[in-house]
Amino acid sequence: MPNPRLTGLGSGLFCIASMFTLACLDRLLFGASLAVYGMLFLSVCALTAIWVRRADLVTAPIAVPIAFAFGLLPIAGSDGGFGDGLMGLFTALAMHAGWLYGGTLIAGLIVTVRKLRLMNRRAAQLRAAAQPPRPPAQQKPAARARAQAQPRRRPV
């Protein structure tokens, strides 16, 4: 499995482009089934949360609802003008908010777990760096020999 690291903007663009493309395919193959769209949305949410960079973790739960709404445009069921399309979009958002909440929750949980692991790793590194050096008696013989071989400088 690839291991890309997307920036905040890149993860948002990935999510939006993926959802729009999958919505177009859903309309062609499944007749604009919102259940299929919802299942695909959950998988895109998980991928977005996994592939975002560590520095941009907070952007994944923000980008996925925007992508859900943008992806609904091809399958919202509008045959008329702009008003019909907008009404179809709002109706689809209202009727299928469960998918939206579920995907946002998935992205939020994955990002939270990743952030906690990152914080624990940093804390362990700081603890390891803050430990005092071992006394000479506990050093390995090779390290002790190197320490004794170095000439000592006298203060001037």
C-alpha atoms as a PDB file:
ATOM      1  CA  MET A   1       0.000   0.000   0.000  1.00  0.00           C
ATOM      2  CA  PRO A   2       1.404   3.430  -0.856  1.00  0.00           C
ATOM      3  CA  ASN A   3       2.446   5.739   1.932  1.00  0.00           C
ATOM      4  CA  PRO A   4       1.930   9.276   0.613  1.00  0.00           C
ATOM      5  CA  ARG A   5       2.013  12.261   2.924  1.00  0.00           C
ATOM      6  CA  LEU A   6      -0.351  14.971   1.771  1.00  0.00           C
ATOM      7  CA  THR A   7      -0.271  18.566   2.936  1.00  0.00           C
ATOM      8  CA  GLY A   8      -3.427  20.130   4.321  1.00  0.00           C
ATOM      9  CA  LEU A   9      -4.327  21.580   0.939  1.00  0.00           C
ATOM     10  CA  GLY A  10      -3.341  18.373  -0.827  1.00  0.00           C
ATOM     11  CA  SER A  11      -5.509  16.239   1.428  1.00  0.00           C
ATOM     12  CA  GLY A  12      -8.471  18.548   0.837  1.00  0.00           C
ATOM     13  CA  LEU A  13      -7.966  18.456  -2.919  1.00  0.00           C
ATOM     14  CA  PHE A  14      -7.524  14.682  -2.849  1.00  0.00           C
ATOM     15  CA  CYS A  15     -10.731  14.252  -0.895  1.00  0.00           C
ATOM     16  CA  ILE A  16     -12.756  16.637  -3.072  1.00  0.00           C
ATOM     17  CA  ALA A  17     -11.459  15.232  -6.365  1.00  0.00           C
ATOM     18  CA  SER A  18     -11.972  11.646  -5.197  1.00  0.00           C
ATOM     19  CA  MET A  19     -15.528  12.260  -4.039  1.00  0.00           C
ATOM     20  CA  PHE A  20     -16.492  14.127  -7.221  1.00  0.00           C
ATOM     21  CA  THR A  21     -15.010  11.370  -9.400  1.00  0.00           C
ATOM     22  CA  LEU A  22     -16.644   8.622  -7.359  1.00  0.00           C
ATOM     23  CA  ALA A  23     -19.983  10.467  -7.472  1.00  0.00           C
ATOM     24  CA  CYS A  24     -19.771  10.670 -11.265  1.00  0.00           C
ATOM     25  CA  LEU A  25     -19.000   6.939 -11.417  1.00  0.00           C
ATOM     26  CA  ASP A  26     -21.840   6.248  -8.987  1.00  0.00           C
ATOM     27  CA  ARG A  27     -24.238   8.145 -11.217  1.00  0.00           C
ATOM     28  CA  LEU A  28     -23.084   6.233 -14.309  1.00  0.00           C
ATOM     29  CA  LEU A  29     -22.890   2.751 -12.797  1.00  0.00           C
ATOM     30  CA  PHE A  30     -25.448   2.687  -9.989  1.00  0.00           C
ATOM     31  CA  GLY A  31     -27.978   5.353 -10.963  1.00  0.00           C
ATOM     32  CA  ALA A  32     -26.912   7.901  -8.305  1.00  0.00           C
ATOM     33  CA  SER A  33     -27.273   5.591  -5.319  1.00  0.00           C
ATOM     34  CA  LEU A  34     -26.597   7.584  -2.170  1.00  0.00           C
ATOM     35  CA  ALA A  35     -25.916   4.400  -0.179  1.00  0.00           C
ATOM     36  CA  VAL A  36     -23.040   3.526  -2.531  1.00  0.00           C
ATOM     37  CA  TYR A  37     -21.839   7.118  -2.363  1.00  0.00           C
ATOM     38  CA  GLY A  38     -21.926   6.997   1.444  1.00  0.00           C
ATOM     39  CA  MET A  39     -19.871   3.812   1.607  1.00  0.00           C
ATOM     40  CA  LEU A  40     -17.311   5.257  -0.796  1.00  0.00           C
ATOM     41  CA  PHE A  41     -17.231   8.429   1.298  1.00  0.00           C
ATOM     42  CA  LEU A  42     -16.311   6.469   4.424  1.00  0.00           C
ATOM     43  CA  SER A  43     -13.342   4.868   2.678  1.00  0.00           C
ATOM     44  CA  VAL A  44     -12.138   8.216   1.271  1.00  0.00           C
ATOM     45  CA  CYS A  45     -12.399   9.726   4.771  1.00  0.00           C
ATOM     46  CA  ALA A  46     -10.201   6.985   6.194  1.00  0.00           C
ATOM     47  CA  LEU A  47      -7.627   7.360   3.412  1.00  0.00           C
ATOM     48  CA  THR A  48      -7.543  11.133   3.814  1.00  0.00           C
ATOM     49  CA  ALA A  49      -6.960  10.841   7.564  1.00  0.00           C
ATOM     50  CA  ILE A  50      -4.234   8.228   7.085  1.00  0.00           C
ATOM     51  CA  TRP A  51      -2.395  10.036   4.281  1.00  0.00           C
ATOM     52  CA  VAL A  52      -2.307  13.573   5.702  1.00  0.00           C
ATOM     53  CA  ARG A  53       1.048  14.821   7.018  1.00  0.00           C
ATOM     54  CA  ARG A  54       1.689  14.912  10.757  1.00  0.00           C
ATOM     55  CA  ALA A  55       1.911  18.690  10.740  1.00  0.00           C
ATOM     56  CA  ASP A  56      -1.493  19.016   9.031  1.00  0.00           C
ATOM     57  CA  LEU A  57      -3.532  16.462  10.968  1.00  0.00           C
ATOM     58  CA  VAL A  58      -6.234  18.941  11.892  1.00  0.00           C
ATOM     59  CA  THR A  59      -7.190  19.519   8.240  1.00  0.00           C
ATOM     60  CA  ALA A  60      -8.547  16.029   7.546  1.00  0.00           C
ATOM     61  CA  PRO A  61     -11.744  16.308   9.630  1.00  0.00           C
ATOM     62  CA  ILE A  62     -12.300  19.758   8.124  1.00  0.00           C
ATOM     63  CA  ALA A  63     -11.867  18.704   4.487  1.00  0.00           C
ATOM     64  CA  VAL A  64     -14.113  15.645   4.458  1.00  0.00           C
ATOM     65  CA  PRO A  65     -17.483  17.396   4.983  1.00  0.00           C
ATOM     66  CA  ILE A  66     -16.626  19.869   2.231  1.00  0.00           C
ATOM     67  CA  ALA A  67     -15.793  16.972  -0.077  1.00  0.00           C
ATOM     68  CA  PHE A  68     -19.058  15.225   0.810  1.00  0.00           C
ATOM     69  CA  ALA A  69     -21.059  18.289  -0.190  1.00  0.00           C
ATOM     70  CA  PHE A  70     -19.037  18.876  -3.361  1.00  0.00           C
ATOM     71  CA  GLY A  71     -19.360  15.248  -4.385  1.00  0.00           C
ATOM     72  CA  LEU A  72     -23.136  15.391  -4.037  1.00  0.00           C
ATOM     73  CA  LEU A  73     -23.406  17.827  -6.945  1.00  0.00           C
ATOM     74  CA  PRO A  74     -23.476  15.147  -9.694  1.00  0.00           C
ATOM     75  CA  ILE A  75     -25.913  12.875  -7.845  1.00  0.00           C
ATOM     76  CA  ALA A  76     -28.180  15.375  -6.082  1.00  0.00           C
ATOM     77  CA  GLY A  77     -30.976  14.716  -8.595  1.00  0.00           C
ATOM     78  CA  SER A  78     -31.487  18.018 -10.352  1.00  0.00           C
ATOM     79  CA  ASP A  79     -33.014  18.086 -13.820  1.00  0.00           C
ATOM     80  CA  GLY A  80     -33.955  21.760 -13.731  1.00  0.00           C
ATOM     81  CA  GLY A  81     -32.033  24.955 -13.175  1.00  0.00           C
ATOM     82  CA  PHE A  82     -29.866  26.320 -10.434  1.00  0.00           C
ATOM     83  CA  GLY A  83     -32.645  26.457  -7.843  1.00  0.00           C
ATOM     84  CA  ASP A  84     -33.585  22.821  -8.407  1.00  0.00           C
ATOM     85  CA  GLY A  85     -29.948  21.779  -8.100  1.00  0.00           C
ATOM     86  CA  LEU A  86     -29.496  23.713  -4.894  1.00  0.00           C
ATOM     87  CA  MET A  87     -32.696  22.271  -3.446  1.00  0.00           C
ATOM     88  CA  GLY A  88     -31.601  18.761  -4.412  1.00  0.00           C
ATOM     89  CA  LEU A  89     -28.207  19.343  -2.788  1.00  0.00           C
ATOM     90  CA  PHE A  90     -29.732  20.555   0.497  1.00  0.00           C
ATOM     91  CA  THR A  91     -32.223  17.689   0.500  1.00  0.00           C
ATOM     92  CA  ALA A  92     -29.462  15.130  -0.046  1.00  0.00           C
ATOM     93  CA  LEU A  93     -27.372  16.725   2.714  1.00  0.00           C
ATOM     94  CA  ALA A  94     -30.307  16.630   5.114  1.00  0.00           C
ATOM     95  CA  MET A  95     -31.429  13.115   4.278  1.00  0.00           C
ATOM     96  CA  HIS A  96     -27.969  11.549   4.333  1.00  0.00           C
ATOM     97  CA  ALA A  97     -26.308  13.454   7.155  1.00  0.00           C
ATOM     98  CA  GLY A  98     -25.534  10.135   8.852  1.00  0.00           C
ATOM     99  CA  TRP A  99     -22.918   9.334   6.211  1.00  0.00           C
ATOM    100  CA  LEU A 100     -21.466  12.808   6.647  1.00  0.00           C
ATOM    101  CA  TYR A 101     -21.263  12.491  10.437  1.00  0.00           C
ATOM    102  CA  GLY A 102     -19.881   8.968  10.209  1.00  0.00           C
ATOM    103  CA  GLY A 103     -17.135   9.924   7.779  1.00  0.00           C
ATOM    104  CA  THR A 104     -16.178  12.972   9.802  1.00  0.00           C
ATOM    105  CA  LEU A 105     -16.094  10.827  12.940  1.00  0.00           C
ATOM    106  CA  ILE A 106     -13.865   8.244  11.233  1.00  0.00           C
ATOM    107  CA  ALA A 107     -11.453  10.937  10.055  1.00  0.00           C
ATOM    108  CA  GLY A 108     -11.481  12.577  13.483  1.00  0.00           C
ATOM    109  CA  LEU A 109     -10.775   9.327  15.322  1.00  0.00           C
ATOM    110  CA  ILE A 110      -7.931   8.319  13.010  1.00  0.00           C
ATOM    111  CA  VAL A 111      -6.360  11.765  13.271  1.00  0.00           C
ATOM    112  CA  THR A 112      -6.743  11.778  17.076  1.00  0.00           C
ATOM    113  CA  VAL A 113      -5.034   8.386  17.404  1.00  0.00           C
ATOM    114  CA  ARG A 114      -2.224   9.522  15.112  1.00  0.00           C
ATOM    115  CA  LYS A 115      -1.743  12.723  17.140  1.00  0.00           C
ATOM    116  CA  LEU A 116      -1.673  10.834  20.450  1.00  0.00           C
ATOM    117  CA  ARG A 117       0.925   8.423  19.088  1.00  0.00           C
ATOM    118  CA  LEU A 118       2.995  11.351  17.846  1.00  0.00           C
ATOM    119  CA  MET A 119       2.826  13.082  21.226  1.00  0.00           C
ATOM    120  CA  ASN A 120       3.834   9.878  23.049  1.00  0.00           C
ATOM    121  CA  ARG A 121       6.761   9.359  20.683  1.00  0.00           C
ATOM    122  CA  ARG A 122       7.994  12.920  21.240  1.00  0.00           C
ATOM    123  CA  ALA A 123       7.655  12.595  25.004  1.00  0.00           C
ATOM    124  CA  ALA A 124       9.693   9.373  24.943  1.00  0.00           C
ATOM    125  CA  GLN A 125      12.407  11.074  22.888  1.00  0.00           C
ATOM    126  CA  LEU A 126      12.550  13.992  25.316  1.00  0.00           C
ATOM    127  CA  ARG A 127      12.760  11.637  28.296  1.00  0.00           C
ATOM    128  CA  ALA A 128      15.579   9.719  26.646  1.00  0.00           C
ATOM    129  CA  ALA A 129      17.468  12.917  25.866  1.00  0.00           C
ATOM    130  CA  ALA A 130      17.013  14.261  29.404  1.00  0.00           C
ATOM    131  CA  GLN A 131      18.476  11.223  31.156  1.00  0.00           C
ATOM    132  CA  PRO A 132      21.918  11.900  32.643  1.00  0.00           C
ATOM    133  CA  PRO A 133      24.858  10.064  31.102  1.00  0.00           C
ATOM    134  CA  ARG A 134      25.877   6.815  32.743  1.00  0.00           C
ATOM    135  CA  PRO A 135      28.730   7.001  35.276  1.00  0.00           C
ATOM    136  CA  PRO A 136      32.107   5.629  34.114  1.00  0.00           C
ATOM    137  CA  ALA A 137      31.721   2.436  36.156  1.00  0.00           C
ATOM    138  CA  GLN A 138      28.632   1.496  34.161  1.00  0.00           C
ATOM    139  CA  GLN A 139      30.133   2.333  30.787  1.00  0.00           C
ATOM    140  CA  LYS A 140      31.268  -0.360  28.426  1.00  0.00           C
ATOM    141  CA  PRO A 141      35.031  -1.089  28.438  1.00  0.00           C
ATOM    142  CA  ALA A 142      35.546   0.375  24.960  1.00  0.00           C
ATOM    143  CA  ALA A 143      33.856   3.663  25.916  1.00  0.00           C
ATOM    144  CA  ARG A 144      35.889   3.826  29.136  1.00  0.00           C
ATOM    145  CA  ALA A 145      39.133   3.278  27.202  1.00  0.00           C
ATOM    146  CA  ARG A 146      38.211   6.055  24.749  1.00  0.00           C
ATOM    147  CA  ALA A 147      37.441   8.445  27.596  1.00  0.00           C
ATOM    148  CA  GLN A 148      40.803   7.709  29.251  1.00  0.00           C
ATOM    149  CA  ALA A 149      42.750   8.002  25.990  1.00  0.00           C
ATOM    150  CA  GLN A 150      41.591  11.570  25.323  1.00  0.00           C
ATOM    151  CA  PRO A 151      44.041  14.156  26.656  1.00  0.00           C
ATOM    152  CA  ARG A 152      42.740  16.507  29.313  1.00  0.00           C
ATOM    153  CA  ARG A 153      43.084  20.200  28.747  1.00  0.00           C
ATOM    154  CA  ARG A 154      44.342  22.445  31.461  1.00  0.00           C
ATOM    155  CA  PRO A 155      42.561  25.714  32.148  1.00  0.00           C
ATOM    156  CA  VAL A 156      44.485  28.754  31.000  1.00  0.00           C
END
